């Protein structure tokens, strides 16, 4: 049985060397909520997706977090 995981979020945390707790602290949420996002128990809200894009300086975009709600950024 394959495990559902939010690949973009997992890749970001790994590449930045961030724990779930450290990321949660940056966002003002609990580590448990980050765990639920990672394991796709809960979806990242639209508001948190925007905040994540800001906190990560665009390394993890709102589209990466919620492609069902946002369009990819236009490349100029």
N, C-alpha and C. Protein backbone atom coordinates (compact mmCIF):
# COMPACT_ATOMS: atom_id res chain seq x y z
N UNK A 1 0.85 -1.18 0.00
CA UNK A 1 0.00 0.00 0.00
C UNK A 1 0.89 1.24 0.00
N UNK A 2 0.70 2.13 -0.96
CA UNK A 2 1.54 3.32 -1.03
C UNK A 2 0.99 4.40 -0.10
N UNK A 3 1.91 5.15 0.46
CA UNK A 3 1.55 6.19 1.40
C UNK A 3 1.43 7.52 0.66
N UNK A 4 0.34 8.23 0.88
CA UNK A 4 0.20 9.56 0.31
C UNK A 4 1.05 10.54 1.09
N UNK A 5 1.80 11.34 0.35
CA UNK A 5 2.64 12.35 0.98
C UNK A 5 2.65 13.58 0.08
N UNK A 6 2.70 14.74 0.69
CA UNK A 6 2.77 16.00 -0.05
C UNK A 6 4.23 16.16 -0.48
N UNK A 7 4.52 15.72 -1.70
CA UNK A 7 5.91 15.64 -2.18
C UNK A 7 6.63 16.98 -2.18
N UNK A 8 5.96 18.02 -2.63
CA UNK A 8 6.60 19.34 -2.71
C UNK A 8 6.98 19.84 -1.32
N UNK A 9 6.10 19.67 -0.36
CA UNK A 9 6.39 20.11 1.00
C UNK A 9 7.52 19.28 1.59
N UNK A 10 7.47 17.97 1.39
CA UNK A 10 8.53 17.10 1.91
C UNK A 10 9.88 17.45 1.29
N UNK A 11 9.91 17.70 -0.01
CA UNK A 11 11.15 18.08 -0.69
C UNK A 11 11.69 19.39 -0.15
N UNK A 12 10.80 20.36 0.09
CA UNK A 12 11.24 21.65 0.62
C UNK A 12 11.86 21.48 2.00
N UNK A 13 11.18 20.78 2.88
CA UNK A 13 11.70 20.60 4.24
C UNK A 13 13.06 19.91 4.21
N UNK A 14 13.19 18.90 3.37
CA UNK A 14 14.46 18.16 3.26
C UNK A 14 15.56 19.06 2.71
N UNK A 15 15.26 19.79 1.65
CA UNK A 15 16.29 20.63 1.01
C UNK A 15 16.76 21.76 1.92
N UNK A 16 15.87 22.23 2.78
CA UNK A 16 16.22 23.32 3.69
C UNK A 16 16.72 22.81 5.04
N UNK A 17 16.66 21.50 5.23
CA UNK A 17 17.08 20.93 6.50
C UNK A 17 16.19 21.35 7.67
N UNK A 18 14.91 21.51 7.38
CA UNK A 18 13.95 21.96 8.39
C UNK A 18 13.17 20.79 8.97
N UNK A 19 12.99 20.81 10.26
CA UNK A 19 12.10 19.84 10.90
C UNK A 19 10.67 20.34 10.75
N UNK A 20 9.74 19.44 10.99
CA UNK A 20 8.33 19.85 10.98
C UNK A 20 8.09 20.93 12.02
N UNK A 21 8.73 20.80 13.18
CA UNK A 21 8.55 21.78 14.25
C UNK A 21 9.09 23.15 13.85
N UNK A 22 10.27 23.18 13.24
CA UNK A 22 10.86 24.46 12.83
C UNK A 22 9.97 25.15 11.79
N UNK A 23 9.44 24.39 10.85
CA UNK A 23 8.55 24.95 9.83
C UNK A 23 7.26 25.44 10.48
N UNK A 24 6.74 24.66 11.38
CA UNK A 24 5.52 25.05 12.10
C UNK A 24 5.74 26.36 12.85
N UNK A 25 6.89 26.49 13.49
CA UNK A 25 7.20 27.71 14.23
C UNK A 25 7.22 28.93 13.31
N UNK A 26 7.74 28.78 12.11
CA UNK A 26 7.77 29.87 11.14
C UNK A 26 6.37 30.32 10.75
N UNK A 27 5.44 29.38 10.75
CA UNK A 27 4.07 29.66 10.30
C UNK A 27 3.11 29.96 11.44
N UNK A 28 3.55 29.72 12.67
CA UNK A 28 2.65 29.94 13.81
C UNK A 28 1.57 28.87 13.92
N UNK A 29 1.93 27.64 13.52
CA UNK A 29 1.00 26.51 13.63
C UNK A 29 1.68 25.41 14.44
N UNK A 30 0.98 24.34 14.67
CA UNK A 30 1.56 23.23 15.43
C UNK A 30 2.31 22.27 14.51
N UNK A 31 3.23 21.54 15.11
CA UNK A 31 3.95 20.50 14.37
C UNK A 31 2.96 19.46 13.87
N UNK A 32 1.94 19.19 14.66
CA UNK A 32 0.92 18.22 14.27
C UNK A 32 0.20 18.61 12.99
N UNK A 33 -0.04 19.90 12.81
CA UNK A 33 -0.70 20.36 11.59
C UNK A 33 0.23 20.16 10.39
N UNK A 34 1.51 20.47 10.54
CA UNK A 34 2.47 20.25 9.45
C UNK A 34 2.52 18.76 9.11
N UNK A 35 2.51 17.90 10.11
CA UNK A 35 2.48 16.45 9.89
C UNK A 35 1.24 16.06 9.07
N UNK A 36 0.10 16.64 9.43
CA UNK A 36 -1.14 16.32 8.71
C UNK A 36 -1.08 16.80 7.26
N UNK A 37 -0.46 17.95 7.03
CA UNK A 37 -0.27 18.42 5.64
C UNK A 37 0.63 17.46 4.88
N UNK A 38 1.75 17.09 5.50
CA UNK A 38 2.71 16.21 4.85
C UNK A 38 2.10 14.88 4.47
N UNK A 39 1.26 14.36 5.34
CA UNK A 39 0.65 13.05 5.12
C UNK A 39 -0.72 13.14 4.48
N UNK A 40 -1.05 14.34 4.04
CA UNK A 40 -2.28 14.62 3.31
C UNK A 40 -3.54 14.18 4.06
N UNK A 41 -3.47 14.31 5.38
CA UNK A 41 -4.65 14.09 6.21
C UNK A 41 -5.54 15.32 6.09
N UNK A 42 -4.92 16.49 6.10
CA UNK A 42 -5.61 17.76 5.90
C UNK A 42 -4.96 18.50 4.75
N UNK A 43 -5.75 19.27 4.02
CA UNK A 43 -5.21 20.11 2.96
C UNK A 43 -4.74 21.43 3.56
N UNK A 44 -3.73 21.99 2.95
CA UNK A 44 -3.25 23.31 3.34
C UNK A 44 -4.32 24.31 2.90
N UNK A 45 -4.72 25.20 3.82
CA UNK A 45 -5.74 26.19 3.47
C UNK A 45 -5.15 27.19 2.47
N UNK A 46 -6.03 27.88 1.77
CA UNK A 46 -5.59 28.90 0.81
C UNK A 46 -4.78 29.97 1.52
N UNK A 47 -5.22 30.38 2.70
CA UNK A 47 -4.51 31.42 3.45
C UNK A 47 -3.12 30.95 3.85
N UNK A 48 -3.00 29.71 4.31
CA UNK A 48 -1.69 29.18 4.71
C UNK A 48 -0.80 28.98 3.49
N UNK A 49 -1.37 28.62 2.34
CA UNK A 49 -0.58 28.46 1.13
C UNK A 49 0.10 29.76 0.75
N UNK A 50 -0.64 30.86 0.87
CA UNK A 50 -0.07 32.18 0.59
C UNK A 50 1.03 32.51 1.61
N UNK A 51 0.77 32.22 2.88
CA UNK A 51 1.77 32.46 3.92
C UNK A 51 3.03 31.61 3.69
N UNK A 52 2.84 30.37 3.30
CA UNK A 52 3.97 29.48 3.03
C UNK A 52 4.82 30.04 1.90
N UNK A 53 4.17 30.53 0.85
CA UNK A 53 4.92 31.11 -0.26
C UNK A 53 5.76 32.29 0.22
N UNK A 54 5.22 33.10 1.10
CA UNK A 54 5.95 34.25 1.64
C UNK A 54 7.10 33.80 2.52
N UNK A 55 6.84 32.90 3.46
CA UNK A 55 7.85 32.43 4.41
C UNK A 55 9.01 31.73 3.71
N UNK A 56 8.71 31.03 2.62
CA UNK A 56 9.75 30.28 1.90
C UNK A 56 10.39 31.10 0.78
N UNK A 57 10.05 32.37 0.71
CA UNK A 57 10.57 33.25 -0.36
C UNK A 57 10.31 32.67 -1.75
N UNK A 58 9.15 32.06 -1.91
CA UNK A 58 8.74 31.53 -3.21
C UNK A 58 9.32 30.18 -3.57
N UNK A 59 10.12 29.58 -2.68
CA UNK A 59 10.67 28.25 -2.98
C UNK A 59 9.56 27.20 -2.97
N UNK A 60 8.53 27.45 -2.18
CA UNK A 60 7.34 26.59 -2.15
C UNK A 60 6.16 27.53 -2.42
N UNK A 61 5.63 27.47 -3.61
CA UNK A 61 4.61 28.43 -4.03
C UNK A 61 3.21 28.01 -3.56
N UNK A 62 2.31 28.96 -3.63
CA UNK A 62 0.91 28.66 -3.29
C UNK A 62 0.37 27.59 -4.24
N UNK A 63 0.83 27.61 -5.50
CA UNK A 63 0.43 26.59 -6.46
C UNK A 63 0.97 25.22 -6.06
N UNK A 64 2.21 25.18 -5.56
CA UNK A 64 2.78 23.91 -5.08
C UNK A 64 1.93 23.34 -3.95
N UNK A 65 1.42 24.23 -3.11
CA UNK A 65 0.63 23.81 -1.95
C UNK A 65 -0.79 23.41 -2.33
N UNK A 66 -1.40 24.17 -3.23
CA UNK A 66 -2.80 23.94 -3.60
C UNK A 66 -3.03 24.17 -5.08
N UNK A 67 -2.59 23.25 -5.94
CA UNK A 67 -2.78 23.43 -7.38
C UNK A 67 -4.25 23.43 -7.80
N UNK A 68 -5.12 22.98 -6.91
CA UNK A 68 -6.55 23.00 -7.22
C UNK A 68 -7.16 24.39 -7.04
N UNK A 69 -6.44 25.29 -6.34
CA UNK A 69 -6.96 26.63 -6.08
C UNK A 69 -6.21 27.74 -6.81
N UNK A 70 -4.92 27.51 -7.09
CA UNK A 70 -4.09 28.57 -7.67
C UNK A 70 -3.50 28.12 -9.00
N UNK A 71 -3.21 29.12 -9.83
CA UNK A 71 -2.55 28.89 -11.10
C UNK A 71 -1.05 29.00 -10.90
N UNK A 72 -0.26 28.34 -11.75
CA UNK A 72 1.19 28.52 -11.67
C UNK A 72 1.57 29.97 -11.94
N UNK A 73 2.65 30.41 -11.35
CA UNK A 73 3.12 31.78 -11.56
C UNK A 73 3.51 31.95 -13.02
N UNK A 74 3.19 33.11 -13.57
CA UNK A 74 3.56 33.41 -14.95
C UNK A 74 5.06 33.66 -15.03
N UNK A 75 5.70 33.09 -16.01
CA UNK A 75 7.13 33.29 -16.20
C UNK A 75 7.31 34.42 -17.21
N UNK A 76 8.11 35.41 -16.84
CA UNK A 76 8.30 36.55 -17.75
C UNK A 76 9.67 36.56 -18.34
